[in-house]
Amino acid sequence: MSASRALVPEPLTKAAFAPFGEVIETQGAQTRVINDGFALRRHALATVEPGEGGRAILSIFDATRRPSPIVIDMLERHPLASQAFFPLSEHDWLLVVAEGGDAPDLATLRCFRASGRQGVNYGAGVWHFPVLILVEAQSFLVADREGPGANLEEVRFEAFKIAL
């Protein structure tokens, strides 16, 4: 694997991630005091798009750390709906995305480092690698689509590695 095929994580920001979806974070969010003043609602942090004929569901993914160096040799996408991930613990984590239509454009492959207080909502059809964690185990709340139709496509390619 050549040095030119190494990905360097960049900080996850709303501006940098905009071509791929939404960053879910409380900073700058609309807030509402609710429950007789005993709770603060951080409103509409992302928009879940279940797609035609689908319904939004919530799941918990329990991830385990991949061996180092982390190898990126495939991407997946969900062409019918968005998919959101939010960590349930405050550990940094990584995400890898690429632009592209029917196939990912590997020249646009990017790696982001998210804080444990940030999640993402991948737009429908966005090419991404499955969840990557930096600790031994980490759980995520996932908003996803359930319904008819093929909502998972995968593509394999010559490996990149993440330079940590």
N, C-alpha and C. Protein backbone atom coordinates (compact mmCIF):
# COMPACT_ATOMS: atom_id res chain seq x y z
N MET A 1 0.86 -1.17 0.00
CA MET A 1 0.00 0.00 0.00
C MET A 1 0.90 1.23 0.00
N SER A 2 0.75 2.09 -0.96
CA SER A 2 1.62 3.26 -1.08
C SER A 2 1.19 4.38 -0.15
N ALA A 3 2.13 5.30 0.10
CA ALA A 3 1.83 6.45 0.95
C ALA A 3 0.71 7.30 0.35
N SER A 4 0.59 7.28 -0.99
CA SER A 4 -0.45 8.09 -1.63
C SER A 4 -1.85 7.53 -1.34
N ARG A 5 -1.91 6.33 -0.78
CA ARG A 5 -3.20 5.72 -0.46
C ARG A 5 -3.48 5.77 1.03
N ALA A 6 -2.83 6.72 1.73
CA ALA A 6 -3.07 6.90 3.16
C ALA A 6 -4.06 8.05 3.36
N LEU A 7 -5.01 7.85 4.24
CA LEU A 7 -6.00 8.87 4.58
C LEU A 7 -5.63 9.49 5.91
N VAL A 8 -5.62 10.80 5.97
CA VAL A 8 -5.34 11.52 7.21
C VAL A 8 -6.64 12.10 7.73
N PRO A 9 -7.06 11.74 8.95
CA PRO A 9 -8.31 12.27 9.47
C PRO A 9 -8.27 13.79 9.62
N GLU A 10 -9.37 14.42 9.26
CA GLU A 10 -9.54 15.86 9.45
C GLU A 10 -10.69 16.07 10.43
N PRO A 11 -10.71 17.21 11.11
CA PRO A 11 -11.79 17.45 12.07
C PRO A 11 -13.15 17.46 11.38
N LEU A 12 -14.14 16.90 12.04
CA LEU A 12 -15.50 16.91 11.51
C LEU A 12 -16.14 18.27 11.79
N THR A 13 -16.46 18.99 10.71
CA THR A 13 -17.17 20.26 10.83
C THR A 13 -18.39 20.22 9.90
N LYS A 14 -19.36 21.05 10.19
CA LYS A 14 -20.56 21.10 9.36
C LYS A 14 -20.22 21.49 7.92
N ALA A 15 -19.33 22.46 7.76
CA ALA A 15 -18.97 22.92 6.42
C ALA A 15 -18.25 21.82 5.63
N ALA A 16 -17.29 21.16 6.26
CA ALA A 16 -16.52 20.13 5.55
C ALA A 16 -17.38 18.92 5.19
N PHE A 17 -18.34 18.59 6.05
CA PHE A 17 -19.16 17.39 5.85
C PHE A 17 -20.40 17.65 5.00
N ALA A 18 -20.71 18.91 4.71
CA ALA A 18 -21.95 19.27 4.02
C ALA A 18 -22.21 18.49 2.72
N PRO A 19 -21.21 18.18 1.89
CA PRO A 19 -21.51 17.41 0.68
C PRO A 19 -22.03 15.99 0.94
N PHE A 20 -21.86 15.51 2.17
CA PHE A 20 -22.18 14.12 2.50
C PHE A 20 -23.41 13.97 3.40
N GLY A 21 -23.83 15.06 4.02
CA GLY A 21 -24.96 14.98 4.93
C GLY A 21 -24.87 16.03 6.02
N GLU A 22 -25.39 15.69 7.19
CA GLU A 22 -25.46 16.63 8.30
C GLU A 22 -24.60 16.17 9.47
N VAL A 23 -23.96 17.12 10.14
CA VAL A 23 -23.30 16.84 11.41
C VAL A 23 -24.34 17.05 12.50
N ILE A 24 -24.43 16.10 13.40
CA ILE A 24 -25.37 16.18 14.52
C ILE A 24 -24.59 16.60 15.75
N GLU A 25 -24.85 17.82 16.22
CA GLU A 25 -24.19 18.32 17.43
C GLU A 25 -25.09 19.36 18.07
N THR A 26 -24.90 19.57 19.35
CA THR A 26 -25.77 20.50 20.07
C THR A 26 -25.32 21.95 19.93
N GLN A 27 -24.07 22.17 19.60
CA GLN A 27 -23.57 23.54 19.46
C GLN A 27 -24.35 24.27 18.38
N GLY A 28 -24.93 25.39 18.74
CA GLY A 28 -25.68 26.20 17.79
C GLY A 28 -27.09 25.70 17.51
N ALA A 29 -27.53 24.68 18.22
CA ALA A 29 -28.86 24.12 17.98
C ALA A 29 -29.96 25.01 18.54
N GLN A 30 -31.15 24.92 17.94
CA GLN A 30 -32.33 25.56 18.51
C GLN A 30 -32.64 24.86 19.82
N THR A 31 -32.98 25.64 20.84
CA THR A 31 -33.30 25.02 22.12
C THR A 31 -34.69 25.45 22.58
N ARG A 32 -35.30 24.58 23.36
CA ARG A 32 -36.60 24.87 23.96
C ARG A 32 -36.58 24.32 25.38
N VAL A 33 -37.03 25.12 26.31
CA VAL A 33 -37.20 24.63 27.68
C VAL A 33 -38.52 23.86 27.71
N ILE A 34 -38.47 22.63 28.23
CA ILE A 34 -39.66 21.78 28.27
C ILE A 34 -39.80 21.14 29.65
N ASN A 35 -40.86 20.38 29.83
CA ASN A 35 -41.09 19.62 31.07
C ASN A 35 -41.05 20.51 32.30
N ASP A 36 -41.82 21.60 32.24
CA ASP A 36 -41.92 22.53 33.36
C ASP A 36 -40.56 23.09 33.78
N GLY A 37 -39.66 23.25 32.82
CA GLY A 37 -38.36 23.84 33.11
C GLY A 37 -37.30 22.87 33.58
N PHE A 38 -37.59 21.58 33.58
CA PHE A 38 -36.63 20.59 34.06
C PHE A 38 -35.83 19.92 32.95
N ALA A 39 -36.03 20.35 31.71
CA ALA A 39 -35.29 19.78 30.59
C ALA A 39 -35.11 20.84 29.51
N LEU A 40 -34.04 20.69 28.77
CA LEU A 40 -33.74 21.55 27.63
C LEU A 40 -33.73 20.68 26.39
N ARG A 41 -34.62 20.96 25.46
CA ARG A 41 -34.69 20.20 24.21
C ARG A 41 -33.80 20.89 23.18
N ARG A 42 -32.89 20.17 22.61
CA ARG A 42 -32.08 20.65 21.49
C ARG A 42 -32.77 20.09 20.25
N HIS A 43 -33.45 20.98 19.55
CA HIS A 43 -34.47 20.63 18.58
C HIS A 43 -33.93 20.44 17.16
N ALA A 44 -34.45 19.44 16.48
CA ALA A 44 -34.23 19.20 15.05
C ALA A 44 -32.75 19.21 14.68
N LEU A 45 -31.98 18.35 15.31
CA LEU A 45 -30.54 18.28 15.06
C LEU A 45 -30.21 17.70 13.69
N ALA A 46 -31.11 16.92 13.13
CA ALA A 46 -30.95 16.35 11.79
C ALA A 46 -32.33 15.95 11.29
N THR A 47 -32.42 15.74 9.99
CA THR A 47 -33.67 15.33 9.38
C THR A 47 -33.52 13.92 8.84
N VAL A 48 -34.24 12.99 9.43
CA VAL A 48 -34.21 11.60 8.98
C VAL A 48 -35.12 11.48 7.76
N GLU A 49 -34.59 10.94 6.69
CA GLU A 49 -35.33 10.78 5.44
C GLU A 49 -35.51 9.28 5.18
N PRO A 50 -36.69 8.70 5.49
CA PRO A 50 -36.87 7.26 5.32
C PRO A 50 -37.12 6.82 3.88
N GLY A 51 -37.30 7.75 2.98
CA GLY A 51 -37.54 7.41 1.58
C GLY A 51 -38.95 6.88 1.36
N GLU A 52 -39.33 6.84 0.09
CA GLU A 52 -40.69 6.42 -0.27
C GLU A 52 -40.95 4.98 0.16
N GLY A 53 -42.04 4.77 0.87
CA GLY A 53 -42.43 3.44 1.31
C GLY A 53 -41.69 2.93 2.53
N GLY A 54 -40.75 3.71 3.04
CA GLY A 54 -39.98 3.28 4.20
C GLY A 54 -40.47 3.95 5.47
N ARG A 55 -39.97 3.46 6.59
CA ARG A 55 -40.27 4.11 7.86
C ARG A 55 -38.97 4.23 8.63
N ALA A 56 -38.87 5.28 9.42
CA ALA A 56 -37.67 5.51 10.23
C ALA A 56 -37.70 4.59 11.44
N ILE A 57 -36.56 3.96 11.73
CA ILE A 57 -36.42 3.12 12.91
C ILE A 57 -35.16 3.54 13.67
N LEU A 58 -35.13 3.22 14.95
CA LEU A 58 -33.94 3.46 15.78
C LEU A 58 -33.36 2.11 16.18
N SER A 59 -32.04 1.99 16.10
CA SER A 59 -31.32 0.79 16.51
C SER A 59 -30.11 1.21 17.30
N ILE A 60 -29.49 0.27 17.99
CA ILE A 60 -28.20 0.50 18.63
C ILE A 60 -27.20 -0.45 18.00
N PHE A 61 -26.11 0.12 17.49
CA PHE A 61 -25.00 -0.66 16.93
C PHE A 61 -23.92 -0.73 18.00
N ASP A 62 -23.47 -1.94 18.33
CA ASP A 62 -22.35 -2.13 19.25
C ASP A 62 -21.13 -2.46 18.40
N ALA A 63 -20.22 -1.50 18.28
CA ALA A 63 -19.05 -1.63 17.42
C ALA A 63 -17.84 -2.10 18.22
N THR A 64 -16.93 -2.80 17.53
CA THR A 64 -15.64 -3.15 18.10
C THR A 64 -14.55 -2.56 17.22
N ARG A 65 -13.42 -2.31 17.85
CA ARG A 65 -12.31 -1.68 17.14
C ARG A 65 -11.72 -2.64 16.10
N ARG A 66 -11.41 -2.09 14.94
CA ARG A 66 -10.73 -2.86 13.89
C ARG A 66 -9.24 -2.86 14.18
N PRO A 67 -8.51 -3.84 13.64
CA PRO A 67 -7.06 -3.88 13.87
C PRO A 67 -6.36 -2.68 13.24
N SER A 68 -5.21 -2.31 13.80
CA SER A 68 -4.39 -1.23 13.24
C SER A 68 -3.32 -1.83 12.34
N PRO A 69 -2.96 -1.16 11.24
CA PRO A 69 -3.60 0.06 10.75
C PRO A 69 -5.00 -0.25 10.21
N ILE A 70 -5.87 0.74 10.31
CA ILE A 70 -7.24 0.57 9.82
C ILE A 70 -7.21 0.58 8.29
N VAL A 71 -7.75 -0.46 7.70
CA VAL A 71 -7.74 -0.63 6.25
C VAL A 71 -9.13 -0.29 5.70
N ILE A 72 -9.14 0.55 4.68
CA ILE A 72 -10.39 0.93 4.00
C ILE A 72 -10.35 0.29 2.62
N ASP A 73 -11.13 -0.76 2.42
CA ASP A 73 -11.10 -1.49 1.15
C ASP A 73 -12.50 -1.68 0.56
N MET A 74 -13.46 -0.99 1.14
CA MET A 74 -14.83 -1.04 0.61
C MET A 74 -15.59 0.18 1.08
N LEU A 75 -16.65 0.48 0.37
CA LEU A 75 -17.60 1.51 0.80
C LEU A 75 -18.99 0.96 0.57
N GLU A 76 -19.93 1.50 1.31
CA GLU A 76 -21.33 1.13 1.14
C GLU A 76 -22.16 2.40 1.01
N ARG A 77 -23.36 2.22 0.51
CA ARG A 77 -24.30 3.34 0.49
C ARG A 77 -25.71 2.80 0.63
N HIS A 78 -26.59 3.69 1.04
CA HIS A 78 -28.01 3.37 1.22
C HIS A 78 -28.78 4.31 0.28
N PRO A 79 -29.08 3.84 -0.94
CA PRO A 79 -29.62 4.74 -1.96
C PRO A 79 -31.04 5.24 -1.70
N LEU A 80 -31.77 4.59 -0.82
CA LEU A 80 -33.17 4.96 -0.63
C LEU A 80 -33.42 5.91 0.53
N ALA A 81 -32.45 6.06 1.43
CA ALA A 81 -32.73 6.83 2.65
C ALA A 81 -31.46 7.31 3.32
N SER A 82 -31.62 8.26 4.22
CA SER A 82 -30.50 8.71 5.04
C SER A 82 -30.22 7.68 6.13
N GLN A 83 -29.06 7.80 6.77
CA GLN A 83 -28.69 6.94 7.90
C GLN A 83 -27.90 7.79 8.88
N ALA A 84 -28.35 7.83 10.13
CA ALA A 84 -27.71 8.68 11.14
C ALA A 84 -27.07 7.84 12.23
N PHE A 85 -25.89 8.31 12.71
CA PHE A 85 -25.15 7.67 13.80
C PHE A 85 -24.86 8.71 14.86
N PHE A 86 -25.10 8.35 16.12
CA PHE A 86 -24.71 9.22 17.23
C PHE A 86 -24.13 8.35 18.34
N PRO A 87 -22.89 8.67 18.78
CA PRO A 87 -22.25 7.83 19.81
C PRO A 87 -22.97 7.95 21.15
N LEU A 88 -23.00 6.84 21.88
CA LEU A 88 -23.62 6.82 23.19
C LEU A 88 -22.60 6.99 24.31
N SER A 89 -21.35 7.21 23.94
CA SER A 89 -20.30 7.54 24.91
C SER A 89 -19.42 8.61 24.28
N GLU A 90 -18.71 9.34 25.11
CA GLU A 90 -17.95 10.49 24.60
C GLU A 90 -16.53 10.12 24.17
N HIS A 91 -16.43 9.15 23.26
CA HIS A 91 -15.14 8.78 22.68
C HIS A 91 -15.11 9.25 21.23
N ASP A 92 -13.97 9.80 20.81
CA ASP A 92 -13.82 10.17 19.41
C ASP A 92 -13.99 8.93 18.53
N TRP A 93 -14.39 9.15 17.29
CA TRP A 93 -14.57 8.06 16.33
C TRP A 93 -14.30 8.60 14.94
N LEU A 94 -14.19 7.72 13.96
CA LEU A 94 -13.82 8.11 12.60
C LEU A 94 -14.93 7.76 11.62
N LEU A 95 -14.97 8.51 10.52
CA LEU A 95 -15.85 8.16 9.43
C LEU A 95 -15.14 8.46 8.12
N VAL A 96 -15.41 7.63 7.14
CA VAL A 96 -14.80 7.75 5.82
C VAL A 96 -15.93 7.85 4.80
N VAL A 97 -15.83 8.84 3.91
CA VAL A 97 -16.86 9.08 2.91
C VAL A 97 -16.22 9.39 1.56
N ALA A 98 -17.01 9.28 0.51
CA ALA A 98 -16.56 9.66 -0.83
C ALA A 98 -17.75 10.16 -1.62
N GLU A 99 -17.48 11.04 -2.56
CA GLU A 99 -18.50 11.48 -3.50
C GLU A 99 -18.68 10.39 -4.55
N GLY A 100 -19.72 10.51 -5.34
CA GLY A 100 -19.93 9.56 -6.42
C GLY A 100 -21.39 9.21 -6.58
N GLY A 101 -21.73 8.73 -7.76
CA GLY A 101 -23.09 8.30 -8.06
C GLY A 101 -23.20 6.79 -7.95
N ASP A 102 -23.23 6.12 -9.11
CA ASP A 102 -23.35 4.66 -9.10
C ASP A 102 -22.14 3.97 -8.50
N ALA A 103 -21.00 4.64 -8.52
CA ALA A 103 -19.77 4.11 -7.91
C ALA A 103 -19.09 5.26 -7.18
N PRO A 104 -18.36 4.95 -6.11
CA PRO A 104 -17.66 6.02 -5.39
C PRO A 104 -16.49 6.56 -6.21
N ASP A 105 -16.25 7.85 -6.11
CA ASP A 105 -15.08 8.49 -6.72
C ASP A 105 -13.97 8.47 -5.67
N LEU A 106 -13.05 7.52 -5.79
CA LEU A 106 -12.02 7.34 -4.76
C LEU A 106 -11.07 8.52 -4.67
N ALA A 107 -11.03 9.36 -5.69
CA ALA A 107 -10.20 10.58 -5.61
C ALA A 107 -10.77 11.56 -4.59
N THR A 108 -12.03 11.39 -4.21
CA THR A 108 -12.67 12.30 -3.24
C THR A 108 -12.77 11.68 -1.84
N LEU A 109 -12.15 10.53 -1.64
CA LEU A 109 -12.22 9.85 -0.35
C LEU A 109 -11.68 10.74 0.76
N ARG A 110 -12.46 10.86 1.85
CA ARG A 110 -12.06 11.70 2.99
C ARG A 110 -12.33 10.96 4.29
N CYS A 111 -11.48 11.23 5.27
CA CYS A 111 -11.65 10.67 6.60
C CYS A 111 -11.84 11.82 7.58
N PHE A 112 -12.86 11.71 8.42
CA PHE A 112 -13.15 12.73 9.44
C PHE A 112 -13.01 12.11 10.82
N ARG A 113 -12.52 12.92 11.75
CA ARG A 113 -12.48 12.51 13.16
C ARG A 113 -13.58 13.28 13.88
N ALA A 114 -14.53 12.54 14.41
CA ALA A 114 -15.65 13.13 15.14
C ALA A 114 -15.38 13.04 16.63
N SER A 115 -15.84 14.02 17.37
CA SER A 115 -15.75 13.94 18.83
C SER A 115 -16.87 13.02 19.32
N GLY A 116 -16.79 12.62 20.55
CA GLY A 116 -17.83 11.79 21.14
C GLY A 116 -19.13 12.53 21.38
N ARG A 117 -19.16 13.82 21.04
CA ARG A 117 -20.39 14.61 21.16
C ARG A 117 -20.92 15.00 19.78
N GLN A 118 -20.42 14.33 18.75
CA GLN A 118 -20.87 14.60 17.38
C GLN A 118 -21.36 13.30 16.74
N GLY A 119 -22.43 13.44 15.98
CA GLY A 119 -22.91 12.35 15.16
C GLY A 119 -23.02 12.84 13.73
N VAL A 120 -23.43 11.96 12.84
CA VAL A 120 -23.64 12.34 11.44
C VAL A 120 -24.92 11.72 10.93
N ASN A 121 -25.49 12.38 9.94
CA ASN A 121 -26.62 11.85 9.19
C ASN A 121 -26.18 11.81 7.73
N TYR A 122 -25.82 10.61 7.26
CA TYR A 122 -25.41 10.47 5.86
C TYR A 122 -26.63 10.69 4.98
N GLY A 123 -26.47 11.50 3.94
CA GLY A 123 -27.54 11.68 2.98
C GLY A 123 -27.80 10.40 2.22
N ALA A 124 -29.00 10.27 1.67
CA ALA A 124 -29.32 9.09 0.86
C ALA A 124 -28.31 8.96 -0.28
N GLY A 125 -27.78 7.77 -0.46
CA GLY A 125 -26.85 7.51 -1.56
C GLY A 125 -25.41 7.90 -1.31
N VAL A 126 -25.07 8.37 -0.13
CA VAL A 126 -23.68 8.78 0.17
C VAL A 126 -22.83 7.55 0.45
N TRP A 127 -21.71 7.45 -0.26
CA TRP A 127 -20.76 6.36 -0.06
C TRP A 127 -20.01 6.57 1.24
N HIS A 128 -19.97 5.52 2.08
CA HIS A 128 -19.27 5.62 3.37
C HIS A 128 -18.78 4.24 3.81
N PHE A 129 -17.81 4.26 4.71
CA PHE A 129 -17.31 3.03 5.31
C PHE A 129 -18.12 2.76 6.57
N PRO A 130 -18.29 1.50 6.97
CA PRO A 130 -18.98 1.24 8.23
C PRO A 130 -18.30 1.93 9.41
N VAL A 131 -19.03 2.07 10.50
CA VAL A 131 -18.58 2.82 11.67
C VAL A 131 -17.19 2.36 12.14
N LEU A 132 -16.34 3.34 12.46
CA LEU A 132 -14.96 3.09 12.91
C LEU A 132 -14.75 3.72 14.27
N ILE A 133 -14.27 2.93 15.21
CA ILE A 133 -14.06 3.46 16.55
C ILE A 133 -12.58 3.41 16.93
N LEU A 134 -12.22 4.21 17.92
CA LEU A 134 -10.83 4.33 18.36
C LEU A 134 -10.59 3.70 19.73
N VAL A 135 -11.65 3.20 20.36
CA VAL A 135 -11.55 2.49 21.64
C VAL A 135 -11.95 1.03 21.36
N GLU A 136 -11.84 0.18 22.36
CA GLU A 136 -12.12 -1.25 22.14
C GLU A 136 -13.57 -1.53 21.76
N ALA A 137 -14.51 -0.82 22.38
CA ALA A 137 -15.93 -1.02 22.09
C ALA A 137 -16.67 0.29 22.27
N GLN A 138 -17.66 0.53 21.43
CA GLN A 138 -18.44 1.76 21.51
C GLN A 138 -19.81 1.50 20.87
N SER A 139 -20.84 2.06 21.46
CA SER A 139 -22.20 1.89 20.94
C SER A 139 -22.70 3.19 20.32
N PHE A 140 -23.57 3.04 19.33
CA PHE A 140 -24.14 4.17 18.60
C PHE A 140 -25.64 4.00 18.49
N LEU A 141 -26.36 5.11 18.65
CA LEU A 141 -27.78 5.15 18.32
C LEU A 141 -27.85 5.42 16.82
N VAL A 142 -28.60 4.60 16.10
CA VAL A 142 -28.67 4.70 14.64
C VAL A 142 -30.12 4.90 14.21
N ALA A 143 -30.35 5.94 13.42
CA ALA A 143 -31.65 6.17 12.79
C ALA A 143 -31.51 5.72 11.34
N ASP A 144 -32.36 4.80 10.95
CA ASP A 144 -32.19 4.10 9.69
C ASP A 144 -33.55 3.87 9.05
N ARG A 145 -33.55 3.25 7.88
CA ARG A 145 -34.77 2.96 7.14
C ARG A 145 -35.09 1.48 7.22
N GLU A 146 -36.38 1.21 7.37
CA GLU A 146 -36.87 -0.16 7.22
C GLU A 146 -37.98 -0.10 6.20
N GLY A 147 -37.98 -1.04 5.27
CA GLY A 147 -39.03 -1.04 4.27
C GLY A 147 -38.61 -1.76 3.01
N PRO A 148 -39.47 -1.75 2.01
CA PRO A 148 -39.18 -2.48 0.77
C PRO A 148 -38.08 -1.80 -0.04
N GLY A 149 -37.47 -2.60 -0.90
CA GLY A 149 -36.45 -2.08 -1.80
C GLY A 149 -35.04 -2.41 -1.33
N ALA A 150 -34.11 -2.36 -2.26
CA ALA A 150 -32.70 -2.64 -1.98
C ALA A 150 -32.04 -1.37 -1.48
N ASN A 151 -31.73 -1.31 -0.20
CA ASN A 151 -31.18 -0.09 0.39
C ASN A 151 -29.75 -0.28 0.87
N LEU A 152 -29.03 -1.24 0.31
CA LEU A 152 -27.62 -1.42 0.64
C LEU A 152 -26.87 -1.83 -0.62
N GLU A 153 -25.85 -1.04 -0.97
CA GLU A 153 -24.94 -1.38 -2.06
C GLU A 153 -23.53 -1.29 -1.52
N GLU A 154 -22.66 -2.23 -1.93
CA GLU A 154 -21.27 -2.24 -1.48
C GLU A 154 -20.34 -2.33 -2.69
N VAL A 155 -19.19 -1.67 -2.57
CA VAL A 155 -18.16 -1.70 -3.60
C VAL A 155 -16.82 -1.96 -2.92
N ARG A 156 -16.04 -2.88 -3.47
CA ARG A 156 -14.70 -3.18 -2.93
C ARG A 156 -13.65 -2.63 -3.89
N PHE A 157 -12.46 -2.28 -3.34
CA PHE A 157 -11.38 -1.68 -4.13
C PHE A 157 -10.05 -1.91 -3.43
N GLU A 158 -8.96 -1.53 -4.11
CA GLU A 158 -7.62 -1.65 -3.52
C GLU A 158 -7.56 -0.80 -2.25
N ALA A 159 -6.96 -1.35 -1.23
CA ALA A 159 -7.02 -0.76 0.11
C ALA A 159 -6.30 0.57 0.26
N PHE A 160 -6.91 1.43 1.07
CA PHE A 160 -6.30 2.63 1.64
C PHE A 160 -6.09 2.30 3.12
N LYS A 161 -5.25 3.07 3.79
CA LYS A 161 -5.15 2.92 5.24
C LYS A 161 -5.32 4.29 5.87
N ILE A 162 -5.72 4.29 7.13
CA ILE A 162 -5.89 5.54 7.86
C ILE A 162 -4.63 5.79 8.66
N ALA A 163 -4.04 6.96 8.46
CA ALA A 163 -2.82 7.36 9.18
C ALA A 163 -3.22 8.05 10.48
N LEU A 164 -3.02 7.37 11.59
CA LEU A 164 -3.37 7.96 12.89
C LEU A 164 -2.12 8.46 13.59
